[in-house]
Amino acid sequence: LAHAGAARVAHNWALARVKAVMDQRAAERSYG
């Protein structure tokens, strides 16, 4: 379970990182 939890933590951290950059780029495009 600890190994499965580690996989989940790495997945969520990387997804949050990718999503934050995508949202930031979308907001910047809306500002012109």
PDB file of all heavy atoms in Angstrom:
ATOM      1  N   LEU A   1       0.827  -1.205   0.000  1.00  0.00           N
ATOM      2  CA  LEU A   1       0.000   0.000   0.000  1.00  0.00           C
ATOM      3  C   LEU A   1       0.866   1.263   0.000  1.00  0.00           C
ATOM      4  O   LEU A   1       0.505   2.274  -0.611  1.00  0.00           O
ATOM      5  CB  LEU A   1      -0.924  -0.004   1.217  1.00  0.00           C
ATOM      6  CG  LEU A   1      -2.166  -0.895   1.120  1.00  0.00           C
ATOM      7  CD1 LEU A   1      -2.910  -0.925   2.448  1.00  0.00           C
ATOM      8  CD2 LEU A   1      -3.096  -0.410   0.008  1.00  0.00           C
ATOM      9  N   ALA A   2       2.012   1.206   0.685  1.00  0.00           N
ATOM     10  CA  ALA A   2       2.909   2.360   0.682  1.00  0.00           C
ATOM     11  C   ALA A   2       3.461   2.610  -0.722  1.00  0.00           C
ATOM     12  O   ALA A   2       3.559   3.762  -1.167  1.00  0.00           O
ATOM     13  CB  ALA A   2       4.060   2.130   1.667  1.00  0.00           C
ATOM     14  N   HIS A   3       3.806   1.546  -1.446  1.00  0.00           N
ATOM     15  CA  HIS A   3       4.290   1.712  -2.816  1.00  0.00           C
ATOM     16  C   HIS A   3       3.181   2.238  -3.726  1.00  0.00           C
ATOM     17  O   HIS A   3       3.435   3.107  -4.584  1.00  0.00           O
ATOM     18  CB  HIS A   3       4.821   0.377  -3.356  1.00  0.00           C
ATOM     19  CG  HIS A   3       6.195   0.051  -2.885  1.00  0.00           C
ATOM     20  ND1 HIS A   3       6.480  -0.281  -1.572  1.00  0.00           N
ATOM     21  CD2 HIS A   3       7.391   0.005  -3.551  1.00  0.00           C
ATOM     22  CE1 HIS A   3       7.773  -0.521  -1.451  1.00  0.00           C
ATOM     23  NE2 HIS A   3       8.348  -0.356  -2.639  1.00  0.00           N
ATOM     24  N   ALA A   4       1.961   1.724  -3.560  1.00  0.00           N
ATOM     25  CA  ALA A   4       0.850   2.235  -4.365  1.00  0.00           C
ATOM     26  C   ALA A   4       0.561   3.699  -4.038  1.00  0.00           C
ATOM     27  O   ALA A   4       0.250   4.499  -4.934  1.00  0.00           O
ATOM     28  CB  ALA A   4      -0.391   1.376  -4.144  1.00  0.00           C
ATOM     29  N   GLY A   5       0.682   4.067  -2.757  1.00  0.00           N
ATOM     30  CA  GLY A   5       0.502   5.466  -2.383  1.00  0.00           C
ATOM     31  C   GLY A   5       1.583   6.363  -2.956  1.00  0.00           C
ATOM     32  O   GLY A   5       1.317   7.506  -3.340  1.00  0.00           O
ATOM     33  N   ALA A   6       2.808   5.845  -3.032  1.00  0.00           N
ATOM     34  CA  ALA A   6       3.886   6.624  -3.633  1.00  0.00           C
ATOM     35  C   ALA A   6       3.621   6.875  -5.112  1.00  0.00           C
ATOM     36  O   ALA A   6       3.893   7.973  -5.629  1.00  0.00           O
ATOM     37  CB  ALA A   6       5.217   5.891  -3.450  1.00  0.00           C
ATOM     38  N   ALA A   7       3.086   5.875  -5.795  1.00  0.00           N
ATOM     39  CA  ALA A   7       2.733   6.074  -7.204  1.00  0.00           C
ATOM     40  C   ALA A   7       1.653   7.133  -7.359  1.00  0.00           C
ATOM     41  O   ALA A   7       1.699   7.960  -8.278  1.00  0.00           O
ATOM     42  CB  ALA A   7       2.273   4.745  -7.815  1.00  0.00           C
ATOM     43  N   ARG A   8       0.693   7.130  -6.453  1.00  0.00           N
ATOM     44  CA  ARG A   8      -0.383   8.117  -6.510  1.00  0.00           C
ATOM     45  C   ARG A   8       0.145   9.526  -6.220  1.00  0.00           C
ATOM     46  O   ARG A   8      -0.252  10.503  -6.864  1.00  0.00           O
ATOM     47  CB  ARG A   8      -1.473   7.747  -5.511  1.00  0.00           C
ATOM     48  CG  ARG A   8      -2.711   8.625  -5.590  1.00  0.00           C
ATOM     49  CD  ARG A   8      -3.732   8.250  -4.552  1.00  0.00           C
ATOM     50  NE  ARG A   8      -3.272   8.505  -3.200  1.00  0.00           N
ATOM     51  CZ  ARG A   8      -2.924   7.581  -2.345  1.00  0.00           C
ATOM     52  NH1 ARG A   8      -2.983   6.310  -2.681  1.00  0.00           N
ATOM     53  NH2 ARG A   8      -2.501   7.893  -1.131  1.00  0.00           N
ATOM     54  N   VAL A   9       1.059   9.654  -5.267  1.00  0.00           N
ATOM     55  CA  VAL A   9       1.627  10.968  -4.944  1.00  0.00           C
ATOM     56  C   VAL A   9       2.401  11.534  -6.133  1.00  0.00           C
ATOM     57  O   VAL A   9       2.270  12.720  -6.487  1.00  0.00           O
ATOM     58  CB  VAL A   9       2.528  10.847  -3.700  1.00  0.00           C
ATOM     59  CG1 VAL A   9       3.358  12.106  -3.515  1.00  0.00           C
ATOM     60  CG2 VAL A   9       1.685  10.593  -2.459  1.00  0.00           C
ATOM     61  N   ALA A  10       3.215  10.697  -6.759  1.00  0.00           N
ATOM     62  CA  ALA A  10       3.981  11.170  -7.914  1.00  0.00           C
ATOM     63  C   ALA A  10       3.053  11.563  -9.059  1.00  0.00           C
ATOM     64  O   ALA A  10       3.279  12.573  -9.747  1.00  0.00           O
ATOM     65  CB  ALA A  10       4.958  10.086  -8.366  1.00  0.00           C
ATOM     66  N   HIS A  11       2.011  10.786  -9.275  1.00  0.00           N
ATOM     67  CA  HIS A  11       1.051  11.103 -10.342  1.00  0.00           C
ATOM     68  C   HIS A  11       0.367  12.437 -10.080  1.00  0.00           C
ATOM     69  O   HIS A  11       0.295  13.309 -10.969  1.00  0.00           O
ATOM     70  CB  HIS A  11       0.018   9.978 -10.435  1.00  0.00           C
ATOM     71  CG  HIS A  11      -1.096  10.243 -11.400  1.00  0.00           C
ATOM     72  ND1 HIS A  11      -2.201  11.010 -11.066  1.00  0.00           N
ATOM     73  CD2 HIS A  11      -1.283   9.852 -12.684  1.00  0.00           C
ATOM     74  CE1 HIS A  11      -3.014  11.077 -12.101  1.00  0.00           C
ATOM     75  NE2 HIS A  11      -2.491  10.388 -13.087  1.00  0.00           N
ATOM     76  N   ASN A  12      -0.133  12.642  -8.867  1.00  0.00           N
ATOM     77  CA  ASN A  12      -0.855  13.877  -8.551  1.00  0.00           C
ATOM     78  C   ASN A  12       0.070  15.096  -8.578  1.00  0.00           C
ATOM     79  O   ASN A  12      -0.326  16.178  -9.025  1.00  0.00           O
ATOM     80  CB  ASN A  12      -1.526  13.752  -7.186  1.00  0.00           C
ATOM     81  CG  ASN A  12      -2.674  12.755  -7.202  1.00  0.00           C
ATOM     82  OD1 ASN A  12      -3.164  12.378  -8.267  1.00  0.00           O
ATOM     83  ND2 ASN A  12      -3.099  12.324  -6.035  1.00  0.00           N
ATOM     84  N   TRP A  13       1.310  14.933  -8.102  1.00  0.00           N
ATOM     85  CA  TRP A  13       2.231  16.074  -8.123  1.00  0.00           C
ATOM     86  C   TRP A  13       2.553  16.493  -9.560  1.00  0.00           C
ATOM     87  O   TRP A  13       2.528  17.690  -9.894  1.00  0.00           O
ATOM     88  CB  TRP A  13       3.522  15.698  -7.402  1.00  0.00           C
ATOM     89  CG  TRP A  13       4.570  16.766  -7.514  1.00  0.00           C
ATOM     90  CD1 TRP A  13       4.725  17.866  -6.718  1.00  0.00           C
ATOM     91  CD2 TRP A  13       5.596  16.842  -8.514  1.00  0.00           C
ATOM     92  NE1 TRP A  13       5.790  18.617  -7.153  1.00  0.00           N
ATOM     93  CE2 TRP A  13       6.338  18.025  -8.254  1.00  0.00           C
ATOM     94  CE3 TRP A  13       5.967  16.042  -9.591  1.00  0.00           C
ATOM     95  CZ2 TRP A  13       7.423  18.408  -9.043  1.00  0.00           C
ATOM     96  CZ3 TRP A  13       7.042  16.428 -10.377  1.00  0.00           C
ATOM     97  CH2 TRP A  13       7.759  17.592 -10.094  1.00  0.00           C
ATOM     98  N   ALA A  14       2.848  15.525 -10.409  1.00  0.00           N
ATOM     99  CA  ALA A  14       3.177  15.858 -11.797  1.00  0.00           C
ATOM    100  C   ALA A  14       1.970  16.434 -12.533  1.00  0.00           C
ATOM    101  O   ALA A  14       2.110  17.371 -13.333  1.00  0.00           O
ATOM    102  CB  ALA A  14       3.693  14.611 -12.519  1.00  0.00           C
ATOM    103  N   LEU A  15       0.777  15.911 -12.252  1.00  0.00           N
ATOM    104  CA  LEU A  15      -0.426  16.442 -12.899  1.00  0.00           C
ATOM    105  C   LEU A  15      -0.686  17.878 -12.457  1.00  0.00           C
ATOM    106  O   LEU A  15      -1.046  18.737 -13.292  1.00  0.00           O
ATOM    107  CB  LEU A  15      -1.626  15.549 -12.575  1.00  0.00           C
ATOM    108  CG  LEU A  15      -2.977  16.002 -13.130  1.00  0.00           C
ATOM    109  CD1 LEU A  15      -2.922  16.133 -14.649  1.00  0.00           C
ATOM    110  CD2 LEU A  15      -4.073  15.028 -12.724  1.00  0.00           C
ATOM    111  N   ALA A  16      -0.508  18.168 -11.177  1.00  0.00           N
ATOM    112  CA  ALA A  16      -0.704  19.533 -10.695  1.00  0.00           C
ATOM    113  C   ALA A  16       0.300  20.483 -11.342  1.00  0.00           C
ATOM    114  O   ALA A  16      -0.043  21.633 -11.686  1.00  0.00           O
ATOM    115  CB  ALA A  16      -0.579  19.568  -9.171  1.00  0.00           C
ATOM    116  N   ARG A  17       1.517  20.009 -11.528  1.00  0.00           N
ATOM    117  CA  ARG A  17       2.537  20.857 -12.157  1.00  0.00           C
ATOM    118  C   ARG A  17       2.187  21.161 -13.612  1.00  0.00           C
ATOM    119  O   ARG A  17       2.264  22.319 -14.064  1.00  0.00           O
ATOM    120  CB  ARG A  17       3.896  20.143 -12.068  1.00  0.00           C
ATOM    121  CG  ARG A  17       5.046  20.863 -12.735  1.00  0.00           C
ATOM    122  CD  ARG A  17       6.341  20.137 -12.426  1.00  0.00           C
ATOM    123  NE  ARG A  17       7.471  20.696 -13.163  1.00  0.00           N
ATOM    124  CZ  ARG A  17       7.857  20.250 -14.354  1.00  0.00           C
ATOM    125  NH1 ARG A  17       7.214  19.243 -14.931  1.00  0.00           N
ATOM    126  NH2 ARG A  17       8.882  20.805 -14.971  1.00  0.00           N
ATOM    127  N   VAL A  18       1.789  20.133 -14.354  1.00  0.00           N
ATOM    128  CA  VAL A  18       1.436  20.344 -15.768  1.00  0.00           C
ATOM    129  C   VAL A  18       0.200  21.211 -15.890  1.00  0.00           C
ATOM    130  O   VAL A  18       0.131  22.129 -16.723  1.00  0.00           O
ATOM    131  CB  VAL A  18       1.226  18.974 -16.458  1.00  0.00           C
ATOM    132  CG1 VAL A  18       0.654  19.158 -17.854  1.00  0.00           C
ATOM    133  CG2 VAL A  18       2.529  18.205 -16.524  1.00  0.00           C
ATOM    134  N   LYS A  19      -0.787  20.969 -15.032  1.00  0.00           N
ATOM    135  CA  LYS A  19      -2.032  21.728 -15.111  1.00  0.00           C
ATOM    136  C   LYS A  19      -1.819  23.193 -14.747  1.00  0.00           C
ATOM    137  O   LYS A  19      -2.421  24.103 -15.348  1.00  0.00           O
ATOM    138  CB  LYS A  19      -3.074  21.098 -14.180  1.00  0.00           C
ATOM    139  CG  LYS A  19      -4.481  21.620 -14.362  1.00  0.00           C
ATOM    140  CD  LYS A  19      -5.447  20.818 -13.522  1.00  0.00           C
ATOM    141  CE  LYS A  19      -6.882  21.273 -13.772  1.00  0.00           C
ATOM    142  NZ  LYS A  19      -7.075  22.693 -13.479  1.00  0.00           N
ATOM    143  N   ALA A  20      -0.959  23.464 -13.767  1.00  0.00           N
ATOM    144  CA  ALA A  20      -0.703  24.848 -13.379  1.00  0.00           C
ATOM    145  C   ALA A  20      -0.075  25.635 -14.525  1.00  0.00           C
ATOM    146  O   ALA A  20      -0.448  26.791 -14.791  1.00  0.00           O
ATOM    147  CB  ALA A  20       0.199  24.879 -12.149  1.00  0.00           C
ATOM    148  N   VAL A  21       0.868  25.031 -15.218  1.00  0.00           N
ATOM    149  CA  VAL A  21       1.512  25.721 -16.342  1.00  0.00           C
ATOM    150  C   VAL A  21       0.521  25.930 -17.480  1.00  0.00           C
ATOM    151  O   VAL A  21       0.479  27.000 -18.112  1.00  0.00           O
ATOM    152  CB  VAL A  21       2.743  24.925 -16.812  1.00  0.00           C
ATOM    153  CG1 VAL A  21       3.332  25.546 -18.068  1.00  0.00           C
ATOM    154  CG2 VAL A  21       3.787  24.879 -15.710  1.00  0.00           C
ATOM    155  N   MET A  22      -0.324  24.928 -17.761  1.00  0.00           N
ATOM    156  CA  MET A  22      -1.312  25.083 -18.831  1.00  0.00           C
ATOM    157  C   MET A  22      -2.320  26.177 -18.499  1.00  0.00           C
ATOM    158  O   MET A  22      -2.690  26.988 -19.367  1.00  0.00           O
ATOM    159  CB  MET A  22      -2.023  23.745 -19.071  1.00  0.00           C
ATOM    160  CG  MET A  22      -1.142  22.655 -19.648  1.00  0.00           C
ATOM    161  SD  MET A  22      -2.019  21.099 -19.880  1.00  0.00           S
ATOM    162  CE  MET A  22      -3.239  21.588 -21.088  1.00  0.00           C
ATOM    163  N   ASP A  23      -2.785  26.230 -17.235  1.00  0.00           N
ATOM    164  CA  ASP A  23      -3.725  27.279 -16.837  1.00  0.00           C
ATOM    165  C   ASP A  23      -3.064  28.657 -16.902  1.00  0.00           C
ATOM    166  O   ASP A  23      -3.714  29.643 -17.290  1.00  0.00           O
ATOM    167  CB  ASP A  23      -4.245  27.003 -15.428  1.00  0.00           C
ATOM    168  CG  ASP A  23      -5.114  25.749 -15.366  1.00  0.00           C
ATOM    169  OD1 ASP A  23      -5.551  25.297 -16.438  1.00  0.00           O
ATOM    170  OD2 ASP A  23      -5.328  25.228 -14.262  1.00  0.00           O
ATOM    171  N   GLN A  24      -1.795  28.738 -16.510  1.00  0.00           N
ATOM    172  CA  GLN A  24      -1.097  30.019 -16.569  1.00  0.00           C
ATOM    173  C   GLN A  24      -0.955  30.502 -18.017  1.00  0.00           C
ATOM    174  O   GLN A  24      -1.176  31.684 -18.315  1.00  0.00           O
ATOM    175  CB  GLN A  24       0.286  29.874 -15.926  1.00  0.00           C
ATOM    176  CG  GLN A  24       1.138  31.133 -15.960  1.00  0.00           C
ATOM    177  CD  GLN A  24       0.563  32.241 -15.109  1.00  0.00           C
ATOM    178  OE1 GLN A  24      -0.224  31.989 -14.198  1.00  0.00           O
ATOM    179  NE2 GLN A  24       0.934  33.481 -15.415  1.00  0.00           N
ATOM    180  N   ARG A  25      -0.633  29.612 -18.923  1.00  0.00           N
ATOM    181  CA  ARG A  25      -0.494  30.002 -20.326  1.00  0.00           C
ATOM    182  C   ARG A  25      -1.841  30.410 -20.909  1.00  0.00           C
ATOM    183  O   ARG A  25      -1.927  31.357 -21.711  1.00  0.00           O
ATOM    184  CB  ARG A  25       0.105  28.844 -21.124  1.00  0.00           C
ATOM    185  CG  ARG A  25       1.579  28.592 -20.825  1.00  0.00           C
ATOM    186  CD  ARG A  25       2.046  27.300 -21.474  1.00  0.00           C
ATOM    187  NE  ARG A  25       1.928  27.320 -22.917  1.00  0.00           N
ATOM    188  CZ  ARG A  25       2.858  27.748 -23.751  1.00  0.00           C
ATOM    189  NH1 ARG A  25       4.014  28.218 -23.249  1.00  0.00           N
ATOM    190  NH2 ARG A  25       2.686  27.732 -25.052  1.00  0.00           N
ATOM    191  N   ALA A  26      -2.911  29.721 -20.513  1.00  0.00           N
ATOM    192  CA  ALA A  26      -4.233  30.097 -21.007  1.00  0.00           C
ATOM    193  C   ALA A  26      -4.641  31.474 -20.497  1.00  0.00           C
ATOM    194  O   ALA A  26      -5.239  32.282 -21.236  1.00  0.00           O
ATOM    195  CB  ALA A  26      -5.257  29.043 -20.585  1.00  0.00           C
ATOM    196  N   ALA A  27      -4.328  31.749 -19.224  1.00  0.00           N
ATOM    197  CA  ALA A  27      -4.649  33.076 -18.683  1.00  0.00           C
ATOM    198  C   ALA A  27      -3.849  34.165 -19.380  1.00  0.00           C
ATOM    199  O   ALA A  27      -4.379  35.253 -19.683  1.00  0.00           O
ATOM    200  CB  ALA A  27      -4.383  33.084 -17.182  1.00  0.00           C
ATOM    201  N   GLU A  28      -2.574  33.911 -19.658  1.00  0.00           N
ATOM    202  CA  GLU A  28      -1.754  34.910 -20.339  1.00  0.00           C
ATOM    203  C   GLU A  28      -2.254  35.173 -21.756  1.00  0.00           C
ATOM    204  O   GLU A  28      -2.224  36.309 -22.244  1.00  0.00           O
ATOM    205  CB  GLU A  28      -0.296  34.453 -20.357  1.00  0.00           C
ATOM    206  CG  GLU A  28       0.361  34.448 -18.974  1.00  0.00           C
ATOM    207  CD  GLU A  28       1.742  33.827 -19.002  1.00  0.00           C
ATOM    208  OE1 GLU A  28       2.139  33.318 -20.079  1.00  0.00           O
ATOM    209  OE2 GLU A  28       2.430  33.839 -17.953  1.00  0.00           O
ATOM    210  N   ARG A  29      -2.726  34.133 -22.421  1.00  0.00           N
ATOM    211  CA  ARG A  29      -3.277  34.349 -23.757  1.00  0.00           C
ATOM    212  C   ARG A  29      -4.537  35.213 -23.690  1.00  0.00           C
ATOM    213  O   ARG A  29      -4.782  36.034 -24.581  1.00  0.00           O
ATOM    214  CB  ARG A  29      -3.616  33.000 -24.401  1.00  0.00           C
ATOM    215  CG  ARG A  29      -2.416  32.223 -24.899  1.00  0.00           C
ATOM    216  CD  ARG A  29      -2.843  31.106 -25.833  1.00  0.00           C
ATOM    217  NE  ARG A  29      -1.719  30.278 -26.228  1.00  0.00           N
ATOM    218  CZ  ARG A  29      -1.386  29.151 -25.630  1.00  0.00           C
ATOM    219  NH1 ARG A  29      -2.079  28.717 -24.584  1.00  0.00           N
ATOM    220  NH2 ARG A  29      -0.347  28.452 -26.063  1.00  0.00           N
ATOM    221  N   SER A  30      -5.343  35.018 -22.650  1.00  0.00           N
ATOM    222  CA  SER A  30      -6.550  35.838 -22.528  1.00  0.00           C
ATOM    223  C   SER A  30      -6.223  37.307 -22.255  1.00  0.00           C
ATOM    224  O   SER A  30      -7.036  38.190 -22.555  1.00  0.00           O
ATOM    225  CB  SER A  30      -7.436  35.294 -21.411  1.00  0.00           C
ATOM    226  OG  SER A  30      -6.792  35.423 -20.147  1.00  0.00           O
ATOM    227  N   TYR A  31      -5.026  37.575 -21.704  1.00  0.00           N
ATOM    228  CA  TYR A  31      -4.612  38.952 -21.466  1.00  0.00           C
ATOM    229  C   TYR A  31      -3.973  39.591 -22.704  1.00  0.00           C
ATOM    230  O   TYR A  31      -3.608  40.769 -22.672  1.00  0.00           O
ATOM    231  CB  TYR A  31      -3.594  39.019 -20.319  1.00  0.00           C
ATOM    232  CG  TYR A  31      -4.121  38.500 -19.001  1.00  0.00           C
ATOM    233  CD1 TYR A  31      -3.279  37.920 -18.068  1.00  0.00           C
ATOM    234  CD2 TYR A  31      -5.479  38.586 -18.697  1.00  0.00           C
ATOM    235  CE1 TYR A  31      -3.760  37.439 -16.861  1.00  0.00           C
ATOM    236  CE2 TYR A  31      -5.966  38.104 -17.504  1.00  0.00           C
ATOM    237  CZ  TYR A  31      -5.109  37.533 -16.588  1.00  0.00           C
ATOM    238  OH  TYR A  31      -5.594  37.054 -15.398  1.00  0.00           O
ATOM    239  N   GLY A  32      -3.804  38.804 -23.785  1.00  0.00           N
ATOM    240  CA  GLY A  32      -3.213  39.331 -24.997  1.00  0.00           C
ATOM    241  C   GLY A  32      -1.712  39.209 -25.071  1.00  0.00           C
ATOM    242  O   GLY A  32      -1.073  39.886 -25.885  1.00  0.00           O
TER     243      GLY A  32
END
